[in-house]
Amino acid sequence: MTALNDFFNYGETQGLFHVQLISSFPNAVAEGYNNVYVNAINFDNTTRIYCTNKGLLQNNGHPTLRSCDALKFLFKSNPQGLDFIEFKVLTNQTDLQTWISANLHLTEKITDSLVVLEGILADSNLSANDKRSLLNSIILKFIVAVGGRIVDDEGRYTLSVQMKLLEVDAIITNLFENITFNYASFEYPVIKKISELYSYYYDINEV
């Protein structure tokens, strides 16, 4: 058993980490990922529980912290890892720069998700040494999975859509260029098509 396994077991026993198919998440149909048959944690739900337990709620009862849609533990990889996953539908977005910068809150979701993760880790029963080293001994990734209605009727991505994905990649890369995270192992946002996620995790034996 590794420290990452111990951390997961702690979160599971505390009701914070519940693994389920991404396709079964509450917003899966609305956000176009109801065909992603990959197991992960609904991290929005984890954040809601964590913020409720800590009293970090707005007047309307919503958490004060934003979070990524999903968290995936990569136990079989070497080194092991954690993937934060955020799903977005890009259809009908003509000004991608403004839309991404003003509406997606990606930097906030990454930093807040790390706050939640670090908070759970701090509360856990792991040893002090494991707590200090865990997040720097694994690979932390943030994946933006895009798609939804931008595919054609045959599920194919057209050249114009491919160009849009390249534009999204460039904008997000620029957005994070001057942000520093306190983890040597943190990998900056990776853009994936929603339709690629299953094969991506299948290829690394982490479905």
N, C-alpha and C. Protein backbone atom coordinates (compact mmCIF):
# COMPACT_ATOMS: atom_id res chain seq x y z
N MET A 1 0.84 -1.20 0.00
CA MET A 1 0.00 0.00 0.00
C MET A 1 0.88 1.25 0.00
N THR A 2 0.51 2.21 -0.81
CA THR A 2 1.25 3.47 -0.87
C THR A 2 0.49 4.55 -0.09
N ALA A 3 1.15 5.68 0.08
CA ALA A 3 0.50 6.80 0.76
C ALA A 3 -0.74 7.26 -0.01
N LEU A 4 -0.69 7.19 -1.35
CA LEU A 4 -1.85 7.59 -2.14
C LEU A 4 -3.03 6.64 -1.89
N ASN A 5 -2.76 5.35 -1.78
CA ASN A 5 -3.81 4.39 -1.44
C ASN A 5 -4.40 4.69 -0.08
N ASP A 6 -3.52 4.98 0.90
CA ASP A 6 -3.98 5.30 2.25
C ASP A 6 -4.83 6.56 2.26
N PHE A 7 -4.42 7.55 1.48
CA PHE A 7 -5.17 8.80 1.38
C PHE A 7 -6.55 8.55 0.79
N PHE A 8 -6.60 7.76 -0.27
CA PHE A 8 -7.90 7.43 -0.87
C PHE A 8 -8.78 6.70 0.13
N ASN A 9 -8.24 5.72 0.84
CA ASN A 9 -9.02 4.94 1.80
C ASN A 9 -9.58 5.85 2.89
N TYR A 10 -8.78 6.82 3.33
CA TYR A 10 -9.27 7.77 4.33
C TYR A 10 -10.46 8.56 3.78
N GLY A 11 -10.29 9.12 2.58
CA GLY A 11 -11.37 9.92 1.99
C GLY A 11 -12.63 9.12 1.75
N GLU A 12 -12.45 7.86 1.37
CA GLU A 12 -13.61 6.99 1.13
C GLU A 12 -14.36 6.72 2.43
N THR A 13 -13.63 6.41 3.51
CA THR A 13 -14.30 6.11 4.79
C THR A 13 -14.99 7.35 5.37
N GLN A 14 -14.49 8.53 5.01
CA GLN A 14 -15.10 9.77 5.49
C GLN A 14 -16.24 10.26 4.60
N GLY A 15 -16.54 9.50 3.55
CA GLY A 15 -17.62 9.88 2.65
C GLY A 15 -17.26 10.99 1.69
N LEU A 16 -15.96 11.27 1.55
CA LEU A 16 -15.51 12.36 0.69
C LEU A 16 -15.14 11.88 -0.72
N PHE A 17 -14.71 10.65 -0.83
CA PHE A 17 -14.31 10.08 -2.11
C PHE A 17 -15.25 8.94 -2.47
N HIS A 18 -16.13 9.19 -3.41
CA HIS A 18 -17.04 8.15 -3.88
C HIS A 18 -16.81 7.95 -5.37
N VAL A 19 -16.26 6.78 -5.73
CA VAL A 19 -15.93 6.50 -7.13
C VAL A 19 -17.18 6.01 -7.86
N GLN A 20 -17.42 6.59 -9.03
CA GLN A 20 -18.54 6.18 -9.87
C GLN A 20 -18.17 6.48 -11.33
N LEU A 21 -18.96 5.97 -12.25
CA LEU A 21 -18.74 6.28 -13.65
C LEU A 21 -19.00 7.76 -13.90
N ILE A 22 -18.11 8.41 -14.61
CA ILE A 22 -18.31 9.82 -14.95
C ILE A 22 -19.63 10.00 -15.70
N SER A 23 -20.01 9.03 -16.49
CA SER A 23 -21.26 9.10 -17.25
C SER A 23 -22.49 9.21 -16.36
N SER A 24 -22.35 8.86 -15.07
CA SER A 24 -23.48 8.91 -14.14
C SER A 24 -23.50 10.17 -13.29
N PHE A 25 -22.56 11.08 -13.50
CA PHE A 25 -22.55 12.34 -12.74
C PHE A 25 -23.83 13.12 -13.05
N PRO A 26 -24.34 13.90 -12.09
CA PRO A 26 -25.61 14.63 -12.29
C PRO A 26 -25.64 15.52 -13.53
N ASN A 27 -24.53 16.17 -13.88
CA ASN A 27 -24.52 17.09 -15.02
C ASN A 27 -24.03 16.45 -16.32
N ALA A 28 -23.89 15.13 -16.31
CA ALA A 28 -23.27 14.45 -17.46
C ALA A 28 -24.03 14.70 -18.77
N VAL A 29 -25.33 14.59 -18.74
CA VAL A 29 -26.11 14.78 -19.97
C VAL A 29 -26.04 16.23 -20.43
N ALA A 30 -26.25 17.17 -19.51
CA ALA A 30 -26.27 18.58 -19.86
C ALA A 30 -24.92 19.05 -20.41
N GLU A 31 -23.82 18.50 -19.90
CA GLU A 31 -22.49 18.95 -20.31
C GLU A 31 -21.83 18.01 -21.31
N GLY A 32 -22.57 17.01 -21.79
CA GLY A 32 -22.11 16.22 -22.92
C GLY A 32 -21.09 15.15 -22.62
N TYR A 33 -21.03 14.66 -21.37
CA TYR A 33 -20.07 13.58 -21.09
C TYR A 33 -20.75 12.33 -20.54
N ASN A 34 -21.99 12.12 -20.95
CA ASN A 34 -22.75 10.96 -20.47
C ASN A 34 -22.32 9.66 -21.15
N ASN A 35 -21.35 9.74 -22.07
CA ASN A 35 -20.81 8.52 -22.68
C ASN A 35 -19.37 8.25 -22.25
N VAL A 36 -18.94 8.91 -21.17
CA VAL A 36 -17.58 8.71 -20.67
C VAL A 36 -17.62 7.63 -19.59
N TYR A 37 -17.29 6.40 -19.97
CA TYR A 37 -17.39 5.27 -19.05
C TYR A 37 -16.05 5.04 -18.35
N VAL A 38 -15.68 6.06 -17.60
CA VAL A 38 -14.43 6.07 -16.83
C VAL A 38 -14.79 6.31 -15.37
N ASN A 39 -14.18 5.57 -14.47
CA ASN A 39 -14.45 5.75 -13.05
C ASN A 39 -13.66 6.91 -12.47
N ALA A 40 -14.33 7.74 -11.69
CA ALA A 40 -13.68 8.89 -11.05
C ALA A 40 -14.56 9.35 -9.88
N ILE A 41 -14.06 10.32 -9.16
CA ILE A 41 -14.78 10.91 -8.03
C ILE A 41 -15.47 12.18 -8.49
N ASN A 42 -16.73 12.35 -8.14
CA ASN A 42 -17.44 13.60 -8.40
C ASN A 42 -16.87 14.64 -7.43
N PHE A 43 -15.91 15.43 -7.92
CA PHE A 43 -15.21 16.34 -7.00
C PHE A 43 -16.03 17.55 -6.62
N ASP A 44 -17.03 17.90 -7.43
CA ASP A 44 -17.97 18.94 -7.00
C ASP A 44 -18.67 18.50 -5.72
N ASN A 45 -19.05 17.23 -5.66
CA ASN A 45 -19.71 16.70 -4.47
C ASN A 45 -18.75 16.65 -3.28
N THR A 46 -17.51 16.24 -3.54
CA THR A 46 -16.49 16.24 -2.48
C THR A 46 -16.31 17.64 -1.92
N THR A 47 -16.24 18.63 -2.79
CA THR A 47 -16.05 20.02 -2.35
C THR A 47 -17.24 20.51 -1.54
N ARG A 48 -18.44 20.13 -1.98
CA ARG A 48 -19.64 20.55 -1.24
C ARG A 48 -19.62 19.97 0.18
N ILE A 49 -19.28 18.68 0.31
CA ILE A 49 -19.23 18.06 1.63
C ILE A 49 -18.14 18.68 2.48
N TYR A 50 -16.97 18.89 1.88
CA TYR A 50 -15.83 19.47 2.62
C TYR A 50 -16.18 20.87 3.12
N CYS A 51 -16.74 21.71 2.24
CA CYS A 51 -17.08 23.07 2.63
C CYS A 51 -18.19 23.10 3.68
N THR A 52 -19.14 22.18 3.57
CA THR A 52 -20.20 22.08 4.58
C THR A 52 -19.61 21.73 5.94
N ASN A 53 -18.70 20.75 5.96
CA ASN A 53 -18.07 20.33 7.21
C ASN A 53 -17.23 21.44 7.84
N LYS A 54 -16.64 22.29 6.99
CA LYS A 54 -15.76 23.35 7.47
C LYS A 54 -16.47 24.69 7.65
N GLY A 55 -17.77 24.73 7.33
CA GLY A 55 -18.51 25.98 7.44
C GLY A 55 -18.15 26.99 6.37
N LEU A 56 -17.67 26.52 5.23
CA LEU A 56 -17.25 27.40 4.14
C LEU A 56 -18.36 27.51 3.11
N LEU A 57 -19.45 28.14 3.53
CA LEU A 57 -20.63 28.23 2.67
C LEU A 57 -21.05 29.68 2.49
N GLN A 58 -21.57 30.00 1.31
CA GLN A 58 -22.14 31.30 1.05
C GLN A 58 -23.52 31.39 1.70
N ASN A 59 -24.09 32.58 1.67
CA ASN A 59 -25.41 32.77 2.27
C ASN A 59 -26.47 31.89 1.60
N ASN A 60 -26.26 31.58 0.32
CA ASN A 60 -27.23 30.74 -0.39
C ASN A 60 -26.98 29.25 -0.18
N GLY A 61 -25.98 28.92 0.66
CA GLY A 61 -25.70 27.52 0.96
C GLY A 61 -24.71 26.87 0.02
N HIS A 62 -24.27 27.58 -1.02
CA HIS A 62 -23.30 27.03 -1.96
C HIS A 62 -21.89 27.13 -1.38
N PRO A 63 -21.01 26.23 -1.74
CA PRO A 63 -19.63 26.28 -1.25
C PRO A 63 -18.93 27.57 -1.66
N THR A 64 -18.03 28.08 -0.83
CA THR A 64 -17.26 29.27 -1.17
C THR A 64 -16.12 28.92 -2.13
N LEU A 65 -15.79 27.65 -2.23
CA LEU A 65 -14.72 27.21 -3.10
C LEU A 65 -15.28 26.59 -4.38
N ARG A 66 -14.67 26.92 -5.51
CA ARG A 66 -15.03 26.28 -6.78
C ARG A 66 -14.21 25.00 -6.92
N SER A 67 -14.64 24.12 -7.78
CA SER A 67 -13.87 22.88 -7.94
C SER A 67 -14.00 22.34 -9.35
N CYS A 68 -13.08 21.45 -9.69
CA CYS A 68 -13.15 20.73 -10.95
C CYS A 68 -14.28 19.70 -10.87
N ASP A 69 -14.74 19.24 -12.02
CA ASP A 69 -15.85 18.29 -12.05
C ASP A 69 -15.48 16.94 -11.46
N ALA A 70 -14.27 16.48 -11.74
CA ALA A 70 -13.90 15.11 -11.36
C ALA A 70 -12.47 15.05 -10.84
N LEU A 71 -12.22 14.06 -10.00
CA LEU A 71 -10.87 13.75 -9.53
C LEU A 71 -10.65 12.26 -9.77
N LYS A 72 -9.55 11.93 -10.43
CA LYS A 72 -9.26 10.53 -10.72
C LYS A 72 -7.93 10.14 -10.09
N PHE A 73 -7.95 9.10 -9.28
CA PHE A 73 -6.74 8.53 -8.69
C PHE A 73 -6.13 7.56 -9.69
N LEU A 74 -4.84 7.72 -9.96
CA LEU A 74 -4.13 6.83 -10.88
C LEU A 74 -3.21 5.94 -10.06
N PHE A 75 -3.74 4.81 -9.62
CA PHE A 75 -3.00 3.92 -8.73
C PHE A 75 -1.98 3.06 -9.46
N LYS A 76 -2.26 2.73 -10.73
CA LYS A 76 -1.42 1.78 -11.45
C LYS A 76 -0.26 2.44 -12.19
N SER A 77 -0.32 3.73 -12.32
CA SER A 77 0.73 4.44 -13.05
C SER A 77 2.00 4.51 -12.22
N ASN A 78 3.11 4.70 -12.90
CA ASN A 78 4.39 4.83 -12.22
C ASN A 78 5.14 6.04 -12.78
N PRO A 79 5.20 7.15 -12.00
CA PRO A 79 4.68 7.29 -10.65
C PRO A 79 3.15 7.40 -10.64
N GLN A 80 2.57 7.20 -9.46
CA GLN A 80 1.12 7.33 -9.32
C GLN A 80 0.73 8.79 -9.53
N GLY A 81 -0.58 9.01 -9.70
CA GLY A 81 -0.99 10.38 -9.99
C GLY A 81 -2.41 10.69 -9.60
N LEU A 82 -2.74 11.96 -9.72
CA LEU A 82 -4.09 12.47 -9.53
C LEU A 82 -4.42 13.36 -10.72
N ASP A 83 -5.56 13.12 -11.35
CA ASP A 83 -6.02 13.95 -12.46
C ASP A 83 -7.27 14.72 -12.03
N PHE A 84 -7.21 16.03 -12.11
CA PHE A 84 -8.42 16.85 -12.01
C PHE A 84 -8.97 16.98 -13.43
N ILE A 85 -10.28 16.81 -13.58
CA ILE A 85 -10.89 16.86 -14.91
C ILE A 85 -12.02 17.89 -14.90
N GLU A 86 -12.01 18.77 -15.88
CA GLU A 86 -13.07 19.77 -16.04
C GLU A 86 -13.68 19.60 -17.43
N PHE A 87 -15.01 19.49 -17.49
CA PHE A 87 -15.71 19.30 -18.76
C PHE A 87 -16.32 20.61 -19.24
N LYS A 88 -16.18 20.88 -20.54
CA LYS A 88 -16.75 22.09 -21.11
C LYS A 88 -17.31 21.84 -22.51
N VAL A 89 -18.45 22.46 -22.79
CA VAL A 89 -19.05 22.41 -24.12
C VAL A 89 -18.72 23.73 -24.81
N LEU A 90 -18.09 23.67 -25.98
CA LEU A 90 -17.61 24.87 -26.65
C LEU A 90 -18.52 25.37 -27.76
N THR A 91 -19.64 24.72 -27.98
CA THR A 91 -20.50 25.09 -29.09
C THR A 91 -20.99 26.54 -28.98
N ASN A 92 -21.08 27.19 -30.14
CA ASN A 92 -21.62 28.55 -30.25
C ASN A 92 -20.80 29.61 -29.54
N GLN A 93 -19.57 29.29 -29.19
CA GLN A 93 -18.70 30.29 -28.56
C GLN A 93 -17.85 30.93 -29.66
N THR A 94 -18.20 32.18 -30.01
CA THR A 94 -17.47 32.84 -31.09
C THR A 94 -16.21 33.54 -30.59
N ASP A 95 -16.26 34.12 -29.39
CA ASP A 95 -15.10 34.80 -28.82
C ASP A 95 -14.53 33.92 -27.71
N LEU A 96 -13.70 32.97 -28.09
CA LEU A 96 -13.19 32.00 -27.11
C LEU A 96 -12.30 32.64 -26.06
N GLN A 97 -11.53 33.65 -26.44
CA GLN A 97 -10.64 34.31 -25.48
C GLN A 97 -11.43 34.88 -24.32
N THR A 98 -12.49 35.64 -24.63
CA THR A 98 -13.31 36.25 -23.57
C THR A 98 -14.05 35.17 -22.79
N TRP A 99 -14.59 34.20 -23.49
CA TRP A 99 -15.37 33.14 -22.83
C TRP A 99 -14.52 32.37 -21.83
N ILE A 100 -13.32 31.97 -22.25
CA ILE A 100 -12.44 31.20 -21.37
C ILE A 100 -11.95 32.05 -20.21
N SER A 101 -11.52 33.27 -20.49
CA SER A 101 -10.95 34.12 -19.45
C SER A 101 -11.99 34.56 -18.42
N ALA A 102 -13.19 34.89 -18.90
CA ALA A 102 -14.19 35.48 -18.02
C ALA A 102 -15.16 34.49 -17.40
N ASN A 103 -15.40 33.36 -18.08
CA ASN A 103 -16.49 32.50 -17.66
C ASN A 103 -16.10 31.12 -17.15
N LEU A 104 -14.94 30.62 -17.52
CA LEU A 104 -14.61 29.25 -17.14
C LEU A 104 -13.99 29.13 -15.75
N HIS A 105 -13.39 30.22 -15.26
CA HIS A 105 -12.81 30.22 -13.90
C HIS A 105 -11.80 29.08 -13.72
N LEU A 106 -11.01 28.80 -14.75
CA LEU A 106 -10.12 27.64 -14.68
C LEU A 106 -9.05 27.79 -13.61
N THR A 107 -8.42 28.97 -13.55
CA THR A 107 -7.36 29.14 -12.54
C THR A 107 -7.93 29.01 -11.13
N GLU A 108 -9.12 29.59 -10.93
CA GLU A 108 -9.76 29.51 -9.63
C GLU A 108 -10.14 28.06 -9.29
N LYS A 109 -10.62 27.33 -10.28
CA LYS A 109 -11.03 25.94 -10.02
C LYS A 109 -9.82 25.07 -9.68
N ILE A 110 -8.69 25.33 -10.33
CA ILE A 110 -7.50 24.55 -10.01
C ILE A 110 -7.01 24.87 -8.61
N THR A 111 -6.86 26.16 -8.30
CA THR A 111 -6.34 26.54 -6.98
C THR A 111 -7.29 26.12 -5.87
N ASP A 112 -8.61 26.29 -6.07
CA ASP A 112 -9.57 25.88 -5.04
C ASP A 112 -9.61 24.37 -4.88
N SER A 113 -9.50 23.63 -5.99
CA SER A 113 -9.48 22.17 -5.90
C SER A 113 -8.28 21.70 -5.11
N LEU A 114 -7.14 22.37 -5.29
CA LEU A 114 -5.95 22.02 -4.51
C LEU A 114 -6.12 22.37 -3.04
N VAL A 115 -6.83 23.47 -2.76
CA VAL A 115 -7.12 23.82 -1.36
C VAL A 115 -7.94 22.72 -0.69
N VAL A 116 -8.96 22.23 -1.40
CA VAL A 116 -9.80 21.15 -0.86
C VAL A 116 -8.97 19.88 -0.66
N LEU A 117 -8.19 19.53 -1.67
CA LEU A 117 -7.37 18.32 -1.59
C LEU A 117 -6.38 18.41 -0.42
N GLU A 118 -5.73 19.56 -0.30
CA GLU A 118 -4.76 19.75 0.78
C GLU A 118 -5.46 19.72 2.14
N GLY A 119 -6.67 20.27 2.20
CA GLY A 119 -7.42 20.26 3.46
C GLY A 119 -7.79 18.86 3.90
N ILE A 120 -8.24 18.05 2.95
CA ILE A 120 -8.58 16.66 3.27
C ILE A 120 -7.33 15.92 3.71
N LEU A 121 -6.22 16.16 3.00
CA LEU A 121 -4.96 15.52 3.36
C LEU A 121 -4.52 15.91 4.75
N ALA A 122 -4.66 17.19 5.08
CA ALA A 122 -4.26 17.67 6.42
C ALA A 122 -5.09 17.03 7.52
N ASP A 123 -6.35 16.76 7.23
CA ASP A 123 -7.25 16.15 8.22
C ASP A 123 -7.07 14.63 8.31
N SER A 124 -6.35 14.05 7.36
CA SER A 124 -6.28 12.59 7.27
C SER A 124 -5.41 11.99 8.36
N ASN A 125 -5.46 10.65 8.41
CA ASN A 125 -4.68 9.92 9.41
C ASN A 125 -3.32 9.48 8.89
N LEU A 126 -2.88 10.06 7.78
CA LEU A 126 -1.54 9.75 7.28
C LEU A 126 -0.49 10.33 8.21
N SER A 127 0.70 9.75 8.18
CA SER A 127 1.79 10.27 9.01
C SER A 127 2.18 11.66 8.53
N ALA A 128 2.82 12.41 9.41
CA ALA A 128 3.25 13.76 9.06
C ALA A 128 4.18 13.75 7.86
N ASN A 129 5.03 12.75 7.79
CA ASN A 129 5.98 12.65 6.68
C ASN A 129 5.26 12.37 5.37
N ASP A 130 4.27 11.47 5.41
CA ASP A 130 3.50 11.17 4.20
C ASP A 130 2.70 12.38 3.74
N LYS A 131 2.16 13.13 4.70
CA LYS A 131 1.41 14.33 4.35
C LYS A 131 2.29 15.34 3.64
N ARG A 132 3.52 15.50 4.12
CA ARG A 132 4.44 16.47 3.53
C ARG A 132 4.87 16.07 2.12
N SER A 133 5.02 14.79 1.91
CA SER A 133 5.63 14.34 0.65
C SER A 133 4.64 13.88 -0.41
N LEU A 134 3.40 13.56 -0.01
CA LEU A 134 2.49 12.89 -0.94
C LEU A 134 2.28 13.66 -2.24
N LEU A 135 1.87 14.91 -2.15
CA LEU A 135 1.49 15.64 -3.35
C LEU A 135 2.69 15.99 -4.23
N ASN A 136 3.90 15.88 -3.69
CA ASN A 136 5.09 16.10 -4.51
C ASN A 136 5.69 14.80 -5.03
N SER A 137 5.17 13.67 -4.57
CA SER A 137 5.71 12.38 -5.01
C SER A 137 4.87 11.76 -6.12
N ILE A 138 3.76 12.40 -6.47
CA ILE A 138 2.88 11.90 -7.53
C ILE A 138 2.82 12.94 -8.65
N ILE A 139 2.21 12.57 -9.76
CA ILE A 139 2.00 13.50 -10.87
C ILE A 139 0.60 14.09 -10.75
N LEU A 140 0.52 15.41 -10.64
CA LEU A 140 -0.76 16.12 -10.60
C LEU A 140 -1.04 16.69 -11.99
N LYS A 141 -2.19 16.34 -12.56
CA LYS A 141 -2.56 16.86 -13.87
C LYS A 141 -3.93 17.52 -13.82
N PHE A 142 -4.12 18.50 -14.69
CA PHE A 142 -5.43 19.14 -14.86
C PHE A 142 -5.83 18.98 -16.32
N ILE A 143 -6.94 18.29 -16.56
CA ILE A 143 -7.39 18.01 -17.91
C ILE A 143 -8.69 18.78 -18.19
N VAL A 144 -8.69 19.55 -19.27
CA VAL A 144 -9.91 20.21 -19.74
C VAL A 144 -10.44 19.37 -20.90
N ALA A 145 -11.57 18.74 -20.67
CA ALA A 145 -12.18 17.87 -21.68
C ALA A 145 -13.30 18.65 -22.38
N VAL A 146 -13.15 18.86 -23.67
CA VAL A 146 -14.10 19.68 -24.40
C VAL A 146 -14.83 18.85 -25.44
N GLY A 147 -16.02 19.30 -25.77
CA GLY A 147 -16.79 18.57 -26.77
C GLY A 147 -18.25 18.95 -26.71
N GLY A 148 -19.09 17.94 -26.59
CA GLY A 148 -20.52 18.18 -26.56
C GLY A 148 -21.09 18.26 -27.97
N ARG A 149 -21.81 19.32 -28.25
CA ARG A 149 -22.53 19.43 -29.51
C ARG A 149 -21.65 19.91 -30.67
N ILE A 150 -20.35 20.02 -30.45
CA ILE A 150 -19.50 20.47 -31.56
C ILE A 150 -19.10 19.31 -32.47
N VAL A 151 -19.58 18.12 -32.20
CA VAL A 151 -19.36 17.01 -33.12
C VAL A 151 -20.50 16.99 -34.14
N ASP A 152 -20.24 16.39 -35.29
CA ASP A 152 -21.31 16.30 -36.27
C ASP A 152 -22.20 15.09 -35.96
N ASP A 153 -23.18 14.83 -36.82
CA ASP A 153 -24.15 13.77 -36.56
C ASP A 153 -23.52 12.39 -36.51
N GLU A 154 -22.35 12.24 -37.13
CA GLU A 154 -21.66 10.96 -37.13
C GLU A 154 -20.63 10.86 -35.99
N GLY A 155 -20.61 11.87 -35.13
CA GLY A 155 -19.65 11.86 -34.03
C GLY A 155 -18.25 12.22 -34.47
N ARG A 156 -18.11 12.84 -35.66
CA ARG A 156 -16.80 13.18 -36.19
C ARG A 156 -16.48 14.64 -35.92
N TYR A 157 -15.20 14.92 -35.69
CA TYR A 157 -14.74 16.29 -35.49
C TYR A 157 -14.27 16.85 -36.83
N THR A 158 -14.83 17.99 -37.21
CA THR A 158 -14.47 18.60 -38.49
C THR A 158 -13.18 19.39 -38.33
N LEU A 159 -12.61 19.82 -39.47
CA LEU A 159 -11.38 20.61 -39.43
C LEU A 159 -11.59 21.89 -38.63
N SER A 160 -12.75 22.52 -38.79
CA SER A 160 -13.01 23.77 -38.07
C SER A 160 -13.02 23.54 -36.56
N VAL A 161 -13.55 22.40 -36.15
CA VAL A 161 -13.57 22.07 -34.73
C VAL A 161 -12.16 21.80 -34.23
N GLN A 162 -11.36 21.11 -35.04
CA GLN A 162 -9.97 20.86 -34.66
C GLN A 162 -9.24 22.18 -34.47
N MET A 163 -9.49 23.14 -35.35
CA MET A 163 -8.86 24.45 -35.22
C MET A 163 -9.33 25.15 -33.96
N LYS A 164 -10.61 24.96 -33.62
CA LYS A 164 -11.13 25.58 -32.40
C LYS A 164 -10.46 24.99 -31.17
N LEU A 165 -10.23 23.67 -31.19
CA LEU A 165 -9.55 23.03 -30.06
C LEU A 165 -8.12 23.54 -29.93
N LEU A 166 -7.45 23.76 -31.06
CA LEU A 166 -6.10 24.31 -31.02
C LEU A 166 -6.11 25.72 -30.44
N GLU A 167 -7.14 26.49 -30.78
CA GLU A 167 -7.26 27.84 -30.24
C GLU A 167 -7.48 27.81 -28.73
N VAL A 168 -8.34 26.89 -28.30
CA VAL A 168 -8.59 26.73 -26.87
C VAL A 168 -7.30 26.38 -26.14
N ASP A 169 -6.56 25.44 -26.71
CA ASP A 169 -5.29 25.01 -26.11
C ASP A 169 -4.35 26.20 -25.95
N ALA A 170 -4.22 27.02 -27.00
CA ALA A 170 -3.32 28.16 -26.96
C ALA A 170 -3.75 29.18 -25.92
N ILE A 171 -5.04 29.45 -25.84
CA ILE A 171 -5.56 30.43 -24.88
C ILE A 171 -5.31 29.97 -23.44
N ILE A 172 -5.61 28.69 -23.17
CA ILE A 172 -5.45 28.17 -21.81
C ILE A 172 -3.97 28.09 -21.43
N THR A 173 -3.12 27.71 -22.38
CA THR A 173 -1.68 27.68 -22.11
C THR A 173 -1.19 29.06 -21.73
N ASN A 174 -1.62 30.08 -22.47
CA ASN A 174 -1.22 31.47 -22.18
C ASN A 174 -1.77 31.93 -20.83
N LEU A 175 -2.98 31.47 -20.52
CA LEU A 175 -3.63 31.86 -19.26
C LEU A 175 -2.82 31.41 -18.05
N PHE A 176 -2.19 30.24 -18.17
CA PHE A 176 -1.47 29.67 -17.04
C PHE A 176 0.04 29.93 -17.07
N GLU A 177 0.48 30.68 -18.07
CA GLU A 177 1.91 30.87 -18.28
C GLU A 177 2.62 31.50 -17.08
N ASN A 178 1.95 32.44 -16.41
CA ASN A 178 2.58 33.18 -15.31
C ASN A 178 2.08 32.76 -13.94
N ILE A 179 1.44 31.60 -13.87
CA ILE A 179 0.94 31.10 -12.59
C ILE A 179 1.90 30.04 -12.07
N THR A 180 2.27 30.15 -10.81
CA THR A 180 3.18 29.18 -10.21
C THR A 180 2.43 28.34 -9.19
N PHE A 181 2.53 27.02 -9.32
CA PHE A 181 1.96 26.12 -8.33
C PHE A 181 3.09 25.52 -7.51
N ASN A 182 2.82 25.27 -6.25
CA ASN A 182 3.87 24.84 -5.32
C ASN A 182 4.12 23.34 -5.37
N TYR A 183 4.05 22.78 -6.56
CA TYR A 183 4.29 21.35 -6.72
C TYR A 183 5.20 21.13 -7.91
N ALA A 184 6.33 20.54 -7.67
CA ALA A 184 7.25 20.26 -8.77
C ALA A 184 6.63 19.32 -9.78
N SER A 185 5.66 18.53 -9.33
CA SER A 185 5.07 17.51 -10.19
C SER A 185 3.78 17.97 -10.88
N PHE A 186 3.42 19.26 -10.75
CA PHE A 186 2.16 19.72 -11.34
C PHE A 186 2.33 19.94 -12.83
N GLU A 187 1.45 19.32 -13.62
CA GLU A 187 1.46 19.50 -15.06
C GLU A 187 0.34 20.44 -15.47
N TYR A 188 0.68 21.40 -16.27
CA TYR A 188 -0.29 22.43 -16.66
C TYR A 188 -1.38 21.86 -17.56
N PRO A 189 -2.51 22.58 -17.68
CA PRO A 189 -3.69 22.03 -18.32
C PRO A 189 -3.44 21.34 -19.67
N VAL A 190 -4.05 20.18 -19.79
CA VAL A 190 -4.01 19.38 -21.01
C VAL A 190 -5.41 19.39 -21.62
N ILE A 191 -5.48 19.68 -22.91
CA ILE A 191 -6.78 19.72 -23.58
C ILE A 191 -7.05 18.36 -24.24
N LYS A 192 -8.21 17.80 -23.93
CA LYS A 192 -8.62 16.53 -24.53
C LYS A 192 -10.05 16.67 -25.06
N LYS A 193 -10.35 15.94 -26.12
CA LYS A 193 -11.75 15.80 -26.53
C LYS A 193 -12.44 14.88 -25.54
N ILE A 194 -13.68 15.16 -25.24
CA ILE A 194 -14.44 14.28 -24.36
C ILE A 194 -14.45 12.86 -24.92
N SER A 195 -14.54 12.74 -26.24
CA SER A 195 -14.59 11.42 -26.87
C SER A 195 -13.28 10.65 -26.73
N GLU A 196 -12.20 11.33 -26.35
CA GLU A 196 -10.90 10.68 -26.21
C GLU A 196 -10.63 10.14 -24.81
N LEU A 197 -11.44 10.55 -23.83
CA LEU A 197 -11.09 10.25 -22.44
C LEU A 197 -11.03 8.76 -22.14
N TYR A 198 -12.02 8.01 -22.65
CA TYR A 198 -12.01 6.57 -22.36
C TYR A 198 -10.74 5.92 -22.89
N SER A 199 -10.41 6.18 -24.15
CA SER A 199 -9.22 5.55 -24.74
C SER A 199 -7.95 6.04 -24.06
N TYR A 200 -7.95 7.30 -23.63
CA TYR A 200 -6.79 7.85 -22.93
C TYR A 200 -6.50 7.06 -21.66
N TYR A 201 -7.53 6.81 -20.87
CA TYR A 201 -7.33 6.06 -19.62
C TYR A 201 -7.20 4.56 -19.87
N TYR A 202 -7.85 4.08 -20.89
CA TYR A 202 -7.72 2.67 -21.24
C TYR A 202 -6.27 2.34 -21.60
N ASP A 203 -5.66 3.22 -22.36
CA ASP A 203 -4.28 2.98 -22.81
C ASP A 203 -3.28 2.93 -21.66
N ILE A 204 -3.60 3.60 -20.55
CA ILE A 204 -2.69 3.55 -19.38
C ILE A 204 -3.23 2.63 -18.28
N ASN A 205 -4.25 1.83 -18.66
CA ASN A 205 -4.82 0.83 -17.74
C ASN A 205 -5.38 1.46 -16.47
N GLU A 206 -6.08 2.60 -16.64
CA GLU A 206 -6.61 3.31 -15.50
C GLU A 206 -8.10 3.67 -15.66
N VAL A 207 -8.83 2.83 -16.43
CA VAL A 207 -10.25 3.10 -16.64
C VAL A 207 -11.02 2.95 -15.33
